[in-house]
Structures are given as C-alpha cells and as structure tokens.
Amino acid sequence: MPWLNIVLLLYSLLNVVMGILGFVNKGSIISLIAGTLAAVVTLGALAYTKKNPRTGRITCLVVAVLLLGRFAPGAFKNQLYPAGIMFVSSLIVIVCLLAGHMMGMKAKKAREGEEK
C-alpha cells in the first residue's frame, strides 16, 4: 500500500521537525532526542515492511500509540502546540494503519475466494 508508506514517511518527518522545534524554541534536548528517535524507528520499520509488512506496520503502530499517549494530556488541556499537533497526527496515523490492515485483509479474503 503505497499511500500508507507515504503517510508513515510524512509522520516520520513531522516527528523530526517537532523535535527540532522543541529544541529551538524551548531548548529541550529531550524533544530533539525523542523526535529523532521516533522518526528513526518509524523509518526503520517502514523500510522493514519490504521484508515483513505486518511487523513493520505493527512497529509503526506502537510508536504512534506511545506518542498518542504521551501527548494526550496536553491535547486535552487545549494545548495546540505541540501536544495537539502530535496527538492529532498520531491519531490519523493509527486510523490509517487500521484502515490499511482492514483493506489488506479484505484483499486477502478476495484472493482466497478466487482460488477455490
């Protein structure tokens, strides 16, 4: 699913950008490290989807869920930047991954039905 790979690539880029902005605006080295680490793990998992799509996408899902949980308290306190942006983007990625899974399972069932 090429569209899902594009979504995950953009999500990785957003993680790096938000980490850099956190470092530049607040001097937070933790933001820089965490944003870069989340992006590297997501990009690594995205590359791994060539060999094993399920494992790669599950890894991306875990990263998105962890970031969703990390930024949820701030998002619910109406903090748009950075919590709201990261919360919404993580939620979008989770929905896209689940939709991709459902589409893949539907296609698999269709192939199995044709083989019979």
Protein backbone atom coordinates (compact mmCIF):
# COMPACT_ATOMS: atom_id res chain seq x y z
CA MET A 1 0.00 0.00 0.00
CA PRO A 2 1.98 2.94 -1.28
CA TRP A 3 -0.37 5.51 0.25
CA LEU A 4 0.29 4.11 3.72
CA ASN A 5 4.04 4.31 3.19
CA ILE A 6 3.67 7.99 2.26
CA VAL A 7 1.63 8.64 5.42
CA LEU A 8 4.30 6.96 7.56
CA LEU A 9 7.09 8.87 5.82
CA LEU A 10 5.32 12.18 6.48
CA TYR A 11 4.73 11.16 10.09
CA SER A 12 8.46 10.48 10.48
CA LEU A 13 9.30 13.87 9.04
CA LEU A 14 6.80 15.54 11.37
CA ASN A 15 8.43 13.83 14.36
CA VAL A 16 11.86 15.17 13.41
CA VAL A 17 10.54 18.67 12.72
CA MET A 18 8.64 18.82 16.00
CA GLY A 19 11.69 17.57 17.89
CA ILE A 20 13.86 20.25 16.29
CA LEU A 21 11.27 22.94 17.01
CA GLY A 22 11.08 21.82 20.63
CA PHE A 23 14.84 22.14 20.89
CA VAL A 24 14.99 25.52 19.13
CA ASN A 25 12.02 27.10 20.92
CA LYS A 26 12.42 25.66 24.42
CA GLY A 27 15.99 24.36 24.45
CA SER A 28 14.65 20.87 25.10
CA ILE A 29 17.27 18.29 24.24
CA ILE A 30 14.73 15.60 25.24
CA SER A 31 12.38 16.76 22.47
CA LEU A 32 15.17 16.60 19.93
CA ILE A 33 16.23 13.11 21.00
CA ALA A 34 12.68 11.74 21.31
CA GLY A 35 11.52 13.22 18.00
CA THR A 36 14.57 11.92 16.18
CA LEU A 37 14.32 8.51 17.83
CA ALA A 38 10.61 8.18 16.95
CA ALA A 39 11.40 9.16 13.36
CA VAL A 40 14.29 6.71 13.08
CA VAL A 41 12.22 3.84 14.49
CA THR A 42 9.32 4.67 12.17
CA LEU A 43 11.60 4.94 9.13
CA GLY A 44 13.35 1.70 10.08
CA ALA A 45 10.01 -0.06 10.45
CA LEU A 46 8.89 1.42 7.14
CA ALA A 47 11.98 0.01 5.45
CA TYR A 48 11.35 -3.33 7.13
CA THR A 49 7.88 -3.52 5.58
CA LYS A 50 9.61 -4.61 2.35
CA LYS A 51 10.54 -7.91 4.05
CA ASN A 52 7.75 -8.28 6.56
CA PRO A 53 4.87 -5.79 6.16
CA ARG A 54 2.98 -6.89 9.26
CA THR A 55 5.92 -6.49 11.66
CA GLY A 56 6.94 -3.15 10.18
CA ARG A 57 3.47 -1.70 10.39
CA ILE A 58 2.87 -3.02 13.90
CA THR A 59 6.09 -1.29 14.97
CA CYS A 60 4.82 1.96 13.44
CA LEU A 61 1.52 1.44 15.25
CA VAL A 62 3.32 1.02 18.59
CA VAL A 63 5.26 4.26 18.03
CA ALA A 64 2.07 6.13 17.14
CA VAL A 65 0.19 4.77 20.17
CA LEU A 66 3.06 5.69 22.50
CA LEU A 67 3.20 9.23 21.12
CA LEU A 68 -0.59 9.49 21.31
CA GLY A 69 -0.44 8.59 24.99
CA ARG A 70 2.44 10.98 25.61
CA PHE A 71 0.68 13.98 24.07
CA ALA A 72 -2.93 13.21 25.11
CA PRO A 73 -2.83 15.09 28.45
CA GLY A 74 -1.64 18.29 26.80
CA ALA A 75 -4.09 17.94 23.92
CA PHE A 76 -6.99 17.58 26.34
CA LYS A 77 -5.81 20.74 28.13
CA ASN A 78 -6.25 22.57 24.79
CA GLN A 79 -2.52 22.97 24.15
CA LEU A 80 -2.41 23.17 20.37
CA TYR A 81 1.37 23.26 20.05
CA PRO A 82 2.99 20.75 20.25
CA ALA A 83 0.59 18.40 22.05
CA GLY A 84 -2.44 18.96 19.85
CA ILE A 85 -0.49 18.60 16.62
CA MET A 86 1.22 15.40 17.70
CA PHE A 87 -1.96 13.96 19.22
CA VAL A 88 -3.99 14.52 16.05
CA SER A 89 -1.22 13.33 13.72
CA SER A 90 -0.69 10.18 15.81
CA LEU A 91 -4.42 9.52 15.78
CA ILE A 92 -4.51 9.94 11.99
CA VAL A 93 -1.62 7.51 11.59
CA ILE A 94 -3.33 4.95 13.83
CA VAL A 95 -6.55 5.23 11.81
CA CYS A 96 -4.60 4.91 8.54
CA LEU A 97 -2.75 1.83 9.80
CA LEU A 98 -6.01 0.21 10.91
CA ALA A 99 -7.68 1.07 7.58
CA GLY A 100 -4.69 -0.38 5.73
CA HIS A 101 -4.98 -3.54 7.78
CA MET A 102 -8.67 -3.86 7.00
CA MET A 103 -8.08 -3.27 3.29
CA GLY A 104 -5.31 -5.85 3.27
CA MET A 105 -7.47 -8.45 5.00
CA LYS A 106 -10.31 -7.79 2.56
CA ALA A 107 -7.97 -8.23 -0.40
CA LYS A 108 -6.57 -11.43 1.13
CA LYS A 109 -10.06 -12.88 1.55
CA ALA A 110 -10.91 -11.96 -2.03
CA ARG A 111 -7.78 -13.75 -3.30
CA GLU A 112 -8.60 -16.81 -1.21
CA GLY A 113 -12.15 -16.83 -2.59
CA GLU A 114 -10.87 -16.73 -6.18
CA GLU A 115 -8.52 -19.67 -5.58
CA LYS A 116 -11.34 -22.00 -4.51
